[in-house]
Protein backbone atom coordinates (compact mmCIF):
# COMPACT_ATOMS: atom_id res chain seq x y z
CA MET A 1 64.31 -42.25 33.00
CA ASN A 2 63.80 -44.94 30.50
CA THR A 3 63.76 -45.44 26.85
CA GLN A 4 60.37 -45.19 26.18
CA ASN A 5 59.89 -41.93 28.00
CA ILE A 6 63.31 -40.38 26.06
CA THR A 7 61.57 -41.14 23.12
CA SER A 8 58.39 -39.83 24.11
CA PHE A 9 60.11 -36.55 25.47
CA SER A 10 62.38 -36.00 21.93
CA ARG A 11 58.92 -36.37 20.01
CA VAL A 12 57.42 -33.38 22.33
CA GLY A 13 60.08 -32.06 21.73
CA ILE A 14 60.29 -31.72 17.89
CA PHE A 15 56.59 -31.17 17.84
CA THR A 16 57.02 -27.90 20.27
CA CYS A 17 60.01 -26.61 17.97
CA ALA A 18 57.49 -27.51 14.49
CA LEU A 19 54.78 -25.78 15.82
CA VAL A 20 57.46 -22.49 17.00
CA LEU A 21 58.96 -22.78 13.61
CA CYS A 22 56.25 -23.20 11.61
CA GLY A 23 54.59 -19.69 13.54
CA CYS A 24 57.29 -17.87 13.14
CA ASP A 25 57.23 -19.31 9.07
CA GLU A 26 53.04 -18.20 9.00
CA GLN A 27 54.08 -14.66 10.83
CA ARG A 28 57.07 -14.16 7.92
CA LEU A 29 54.65 -14.78 5.25
CA SER A 30 51.89 -12.41 6.52
CA GLN A 31 54.23 -9.46 6.58
CA TYR A 32 55.30 -10.46 2.79
CA SER A 33 51.94 -8.96 2.24
CA THR A 34 52.66 -5.64 4.47
CA PHE A 35 56.10 -5.70 2.71
CA ALA A 36 54.73 -5.85 -1.15
CA THR A 37 52.34 -2.60 -0.14
CA ALA A 38 54.40 -0.97 0.85
CA GLY A 39 56.55 -1.61 -2.31
CA GLN A 40 54.13 -0.73 -4.30
CA VAL A 41 53.00 2.50 -2.55
CA TYR A 42 57.17 3.72 -2.50
CA VAL A 43 56.85 2.89 -6.50
CA ALA A 44 54.05 5.16 -6.60
CA ASN A 45 55.94 8.15 -4.97
CA PHE A 46 58.71 7.30 -6.75
CA HIS A 47 57.34 8.58 -9.47
CA GLN A 48 56.24 11.58 -7.87
CA VAL A 49 60.51 12.27 -6.76
CA THR A 50 61.68 11.06 -10.15
CA ALA A 51 59.33 13.66 -12.08
CA GLN A 52 60.13 16.53 -9.65
CA ALA A 53 63.92 15.63 -10.41
CA GLY A 54 62.82 15.94 -13.92
CA SER A 55 61.27 19.87 -13.49
CA ALA A 56 64.27 20.80 -11.50
CA MET A 57 66.52 19.96 -13.94
CA ILE A 58 64.33 21.96 -16.67
CA ALA A 59 63.76 24.65 -14.45
CA VAL A 60 67.48 25.41 -13.83
CA ASP A 61 68.41 24.82 -17.26
CA SER A 62 65.79 27.23 -18.67
CA VAL A 63 66.64 30.02 -15.81
CA LEU A 64 70.25 29.67 -17.32
CA MET A 65 69.23 29.92 -20.69
CA SER A 66 66.57 33.29 -20.28
CA THR A 67 69.63 34.39 -18.57
CA ALA A 68 72.26 33.73 -21.29
CA HIS A 69 69.24 35.09 -24.07
CA LYS A 70 69.62 38.63 -22.10
CA ASP A 71 73.24 38.80 -22.59
CA VAL A 72 73.36 38.27 -26.05
CA VAL A 73 70.00 39.53 -27.43
CA SER A 74 71.68 41.81 -30.13
CA ASP A 75 73.83 39.12 -31.23
CA LEU A 76 70.81 36.66 -31.71
CA LYS A 77 70.15 37.90 -35.45
CA LYS A 78 73.95 38.03 -36.81
CA ASN A 79 74.37 34.58 -35.22
CA PRO A 80 71.26 32.44 -35.29
CA ALA A 81 72.27 29.13 -36.01
CA LYS A 82 74.99 29.58 -33.60
CA TYR A 83 72.37 30.32 -30.99
CA SER A 84 70.41 27.62 -32.42
CA ALA A 85 72.89 24.94 -31.95
CA GLN A 86 73.45 25.50 -28.05
CA VAL A 87 69.62 25.32 -27.41
CA GLU A 88 69.53 22.08 -29.29
CA GLN A 89 72.45 20.92 -27.33
CA HIS A 90 71.36 21.67 -23.86
CA ASP A 91 67.85 19.69 -25.22
CA GLU A 92 69.71 16.87 -26.17
CA LEU A 93 71.30 16.78 -22.75
CA LEU A 94 67.90 17.56 -20.63
CA GLN A 95 66.56 14.58 -23.11
CA LYS A 96 69.36 12.46 -22.02
CA TYR A 97 68.87 12.73 -18.26
CA LEU A 98 64.60 12.72 -18.44
CA GLY A 99 65.48 8.98 -20.03
CA THR A 100 67.74 8.35 -17.28
CA LEU A 101 64.81 9.22 -14.98
CA GLN A 102 62.49 7.04 -16.66
CA LEU A 103 64.72 3.90 -16.80
CA ILE A 104 65.04 4.25 -12.91
CA ASP A 105 61.33 4.42 -13.10
CA ALA A 106 60.77 1.69 -14.90
CA HIS A 107 63.00 -0.33 -12.94
CA ALA A 108 61.58 0.64 -9.29
CA THR A 109 58.33 -0.42 -11.39
CA ALA A 110 59.65 -3.85 -12.42
CA LEU A 111 60.71 -4.15 -8.47
CA GLY A 112 57.35 -3.02 -7.32
CA ALA A 113 55.37 -5.71 -9.52
CA TYR A 114 58.13 -8.70 -8.46
CA PHE A 115 57.34 -8.09 -4.42
CA ASP A 116 53.48 -7.96 -5.47
CA ALA A 117 53.89 -11.54 -7.24
CA ILE A 118 56.50 -12.55 -4.10
CA ALA A 119 53.57 -11.49 -2.01
CA LYS A 120 50.55 -14.10 -4.23
CA LEU A 121 53.32 -16.54 -3.38
CA THR A 122 52.70 -16.83 0.15
CA ASP A 123 49.53 -18.69 -0.22
CA ASN A 124 50.11 -22.39 -1.12
CA LYS A 125 46.98 -22.88 -2.94
CA THR A 126 47.69 -20.07 -5.61
CA ALA A 127 51.82 -20.06 -5.87
CA THR A 128 52.06 -22.77 -8.50
CA ASN A 129 50.00 -20.45 -10.82
CA THR A 130 51.84 -17.19 -10.00
CA ALA A 131 55.71 -18.60 -9.86
CA SER A 132 56.04 -18.39 -13.57
CA ALA A 133 54.60 -14.96 -13.40
CA ALA A 134 57.33 -14.33 -10.82
CA THR A 135 59.86 -15.62 -12.52
CA ASP A 136 59.60 -13.63 -15.67
CA LEU A 137 59.49 -10.29 -13.14
CA LEU A 138 62.38 -11.51 -11.70
CA ASN A 139 64.17 -11.86 -15.12
CA ALA A 140 62.79 -8.36 -16.16
CA VAL A 141 64.58 -7.01 -13.13
CA ASP A 142 67.68 -8.29 -13.77
CA SER A 143 67.92 -7.14 -17.17
CA LEU A 144 67.29 -3.56 -16.04
CA ASN A 145 69.83 -4.25 -13.24
CA THR A 146 72.50 -4.39 -16.02
CA HIS A 147 71.06 -1.32 -17.82
CA LEU A 148 70.66 0.89 -14.70
CA ALA A 149 74.25 0.38 -13.35
CA LYS A 150 75.58 1.93 -16.48
CA ALA A 151 73.55 4.68 -16.38
CA THR A 152 74.83 8.08 -15.50
CA ILE A 153 73.82 11.36 -13.12
CA LEU A 154 75.55 13.93 -12.60
CA GLY A 155 78.66 12.64 -14.90
CA LYS A 156 79.03 9.29 -12.81
CA PRO A 157 77.64 5.61 -13.89
CA ILE A 158 74.74 4.71 -10.73
CA ALA A 159 76.98 1.73 -9.98
CA ASP A 160 79.39 4.48 -8.49
CA TYR A 161 76.49 5.61 -5.81
CA VAL A 162 76.11 1.76 -4.81
CA SER A 163 78.19 0.86 -1.58
CA LYS A 164 78.53 -2.80 -1.31
CA GLY A 165 76.60 -4.82 1.24
CA THR A 166 77.39 -7.74 2.77
CA PRO A 167 76.35 -11.36 1.38
CA PHE A 168 72.83 -13.32 3.17
CA VAL A 169 71.70 -16.55 3.48
CA VAL A 170 68.23 -17.16 2.19
CA ALA A 171 65.64 -18.42 4.66
CA HIS A 172 63.87 -21.96 3.58
CA PHE A 173 60.46 -21.22 3.73
CA GLN A 174 57.55 -23.88 4.12
CA VAL A 175 56.00 -22.64 0.31
CA LYS A 176 57.94 -24.28 -2.13
CA ALA A 177 57.32 -22.19 -5.02
CA LEU A 178 58.54 -19.01 -2.75
CA ASP A 179 61.27 -20.77 -1.13
CA ALA A 180 62.82 -22.06 -4.77
CA GLN A 181 61.83 -18.71 -6.11
CA LEU A 182 63.87 -16.30 -3.30
CA GLN A 183 66.86 -19.03 -3.28
CA ARG A 184 67.06 -17.35 -6.83
CA ALA A 185 65.79 -13.89 -6.25
CA ALA A 186 67.82 -12.65 -2.97
CA PRO A 187 71.03 -12.14 -4.88
CA ILE A 188 69.18 -10.19 -7.77
CA VAL A 189 66.42 -8.27 -5.43
CA ASP A 190 69.55 -7.21 -3.49
CA ILE A 191 71.77 -5.79 -6.46
CA ALA A 192 68.48 -4.22 -7.70
CA LEU A 193 67.69 -2.40 -4.64
CA SER A 194 71.23 -1.44 -4.01
CA LEU A 195 71.12 0.57 -7.54
CA GLN A 196 67.76 2.14 -6.36
CA GLU A 197 69.72 3.43 -3.09
CA GLY A 198 72.54 4.30 -5.69
CA ALA A 199 69.94 6.49 -8.16
CA VAL A 200 67.94 8.33 -5.36
CA THR A 201 71.31 9.05 -4.07
CA ALA A 202 72.16 10.81 -7.95
CA ILE A 203 68.81 11.98 -8.05
CA GLY A 204 68.90 13.62 -4.69
CA GLU A 205 72.27 15.39 -5.23
CA GLN A 206 71.10 16.76 -8.55
CA THR A 207 67.78 17.96 -7.42
CA LYS A 208 69.26 19.89 -4.40
CA ALA A 209 71.47 21.28 -6.92
CA SER A 210 69.35 22.31 -9.67
CA LEU A 211 66.70 23.88 -7.10
CA THR A 212 69.07 25.96 -4.67
CA ASP A 213 70.43 27.09 -8.22
CA THR A 214 67.24 27.93 -9.14
CA LEU A 215 66.19 29.69 -5.85
CA LYS A 216 69.04 31.53 -5.75
CA ASN A 217 67.78 33.34 -8.97
CA ARG A 218 64.06 33.77 -7.10
CA GLU A 219 66.07 35.35 -4.38
CA SER A 220 67.97 37.92 -6.34
CA THR A 221 65.21 38.79 -8.55
CA ASP A 222 61.60 38.77 -6.15
CA VAL A 223 63.79 39.14 -2.73
CA ILE A 224 66.97 41.34 -3.31
CA GLU A 225 66.29 43.55 -6.21
CA PRO A 226 63.26 44.30 -5.24
CA PHE A 227 64.64 45.52 -2.00
CA LEU A 228 67.31 48.04 -3.34
CA ARG A 229 64.95 49.55 -5.21
CA THR A 230 64.42 53.25 -4.25
CA ASN A 231 60.86 53.08 -4.79
CA GLU A 232 58.26 51.54 -2.49
CA LEU A 233 57.89 47.28 -2.24
CA PRO A 234 56.31 45.78 -4.44
CA ALA A 235 52.94 44.60 -3.03
CA ASN A 236 53.95 40.82 -2.92
CA TRP A 237 57.23 41.36 -1.41
CA ASN A 238 56.67 39.66 1.58
CA THR A 239 54.83 36.55 0.26
CA ASN A 240 57.41 36.04 -2.16
CA ARG A 241 60.18 36.58 0.35
CA GLU A 242 58.15 34.12 2.88
CA ALA A 243 57.93 31.52 -0.02
CA TYR A 244 61.82 31.67 -0.95
CA LEU A 245 62.17 31.22 2.42
CA ARG A 246 59.67 27.69 2.99
CA ALA A 247 61.10 26.43 -0.27
CA SER A 248 64.66 26.82 0.66
CA VAL A 249 63.67 25.10 3.87
CA THR A 250 62.31 21.83 2.02
CA LEU A 251 65.31 21.20 0.44
CA SER A 252 66.74 20.15 3.20
CA ASN A 253 64.64 17.26 3.27
CA VAL A 254 66.14 15.55 0.78
CA SER A 255 67.23 12.25 2.40
CA SER A 256 63.67 10.98 2.74
CA ALA A 257 63.43 9.35 -0.05
CA GLN A 258 66.89 7.97 0.53
CA SER A 259 65.63 6.84 4.15
CA ALA A 260 62.82 4.97 2.67
CA ILE A 261 64.72 3.46 0.22
CA LYS A 262 67.15 2.06 2.51
CA GLN A 263 64.65 1.22 4.70
CA LEU A 264 63.10 -1.19 2.17
CA HIS A 265 66.22 -2.52 1.26
CA ILE A 266 66.61 -3.57 5.37
CA THR A 267 63.54 -5.08 5.13
CA PHE A 268 63.74 -7.23 2.58
CA LYS A 269 66.90 -8.56 3.80
CA GLN A 270 65.63 -9.02 7.39
CA LEU A 271 62.39 -10.57 5.03
CA VAL A 272 64.45 -13.89 3.39
CA GLU A 273 67.26 -14.22 5.60
CA ASN A 274 66.36 -14.61 9.25
CA GLN A 275 62.91 -15.96 9.97
CA THR A 276 63.22 -15.02 14.07
CA ALA A 277 63.39 -11.42 13.04
CA SER A 278 61.75 -8.54 14.38
CA ILE A 279 60.51 -6.48 11.07
CA ASP A 280 60.43 -3.15 11.79
CA LEU A 281 57.80 -2.64 8.87
CA GLN A 282 56.42 0.99 10.63
CA THR A 283 59.47 2.40 9.86
CA LEU A 284 59.46 1.19 6.37
CA ILE A 285 56.01 2.78 6.18
CA THR A 286 56.78 6.16 8.12
CA ASP A 287 60.42 6.63 6.12
CA ILE A 288 58.48 6.32 2.54
CA SER A 289 55.42 8.03 4.01
CA ALA A 290 57.98 11.41 4.87
CA MET A 291 59.40 10.91 1.04
CA SER A 292 55.81 11.25 -0.13
CA ALA A 293 55.31 14.45 1.86
CA TYR A 294 59.30 15.19 0.03
CA ALA A 295 57.73 14.92 -3.17
CA ASN A 296 54.83 17.31 -2.93
CA ALA A 297 57.31 19.87 -0.92
CA THR A 298 59.14 19.42 -4.11
CA GLN A 299 56.48 20.16 -6.29
CA THR A 300 55.51 23.42 -4.21
CA THR A 301 58.92 24.34 -4.23
CA LEU A 302 59.24 23.93 -8.21
CA LYS A 303 56.40 26.49 -8.40
CA THR A 304 57.99 29.20 -6.23
CA ALA A 305 61.09 29.33 -8.17
CA GLY A 306 58.77 29.93 -11.51
CA ALA A 307 59.15 26.45 -12.94
CA LYS A 308 55.84 25.35 -14.65
């Protein structure tokens, strides 16, 4: 083969490789849009999860307080200051927990907004105009990372629930604005998603513990106590028992939210790290849908448990 043919062959090879890389790049860019949409859906469902987690905590505390009230009713007038302080203490602890949930919620919202901004950066025509907004959102996520890591659930900082991940290298993209953004953003978003995973794990443990205690009380008052009476069972005993049993089964699905955020984290890494990797967006969407179903089921469980 002569020099001219070798040169021509090399040019064809380079051109072919460029086309393949360009095709991969374009495919990956289009996947950012789907990923951003999935991220927004995750955030919307996550709002439901945190709301139900707060309701679950309030429900179980109210059950404990009402039970305690029955035991001390004769002493209330003698020591009003003592019992008033106890109620205030319980309220303060609940407000602190709800404040932590709000912080986790705000963190998720900022992440969702950032994913949306990243999706807009995939368009060369508008990337320059949206780069500044994306940077502002990234700074907000970075700031919230610091606060969220220190927040506590079940007596432990959320950072303690985070599993250390492996470092990864961000692939280069043809869209300069997106490429520049991701080079800086990847480690920050990686930490943010790890914190979300930790927060969801902590919320899951707290919600499961709260609902379990609440449902035990409901089983005692609506199922066991009526059954042990000598007179006839109440007309709604069968209904109450079925509702309790179905609500208990709901608790076994608490892992759905954990699966959703874990898959969101995996997908983000795949998108930014390897241009040729196969991105499983369908699994991500399926996990987020299951998370939505769990949030709705938890709301039903709370109603069954007697929460308002």
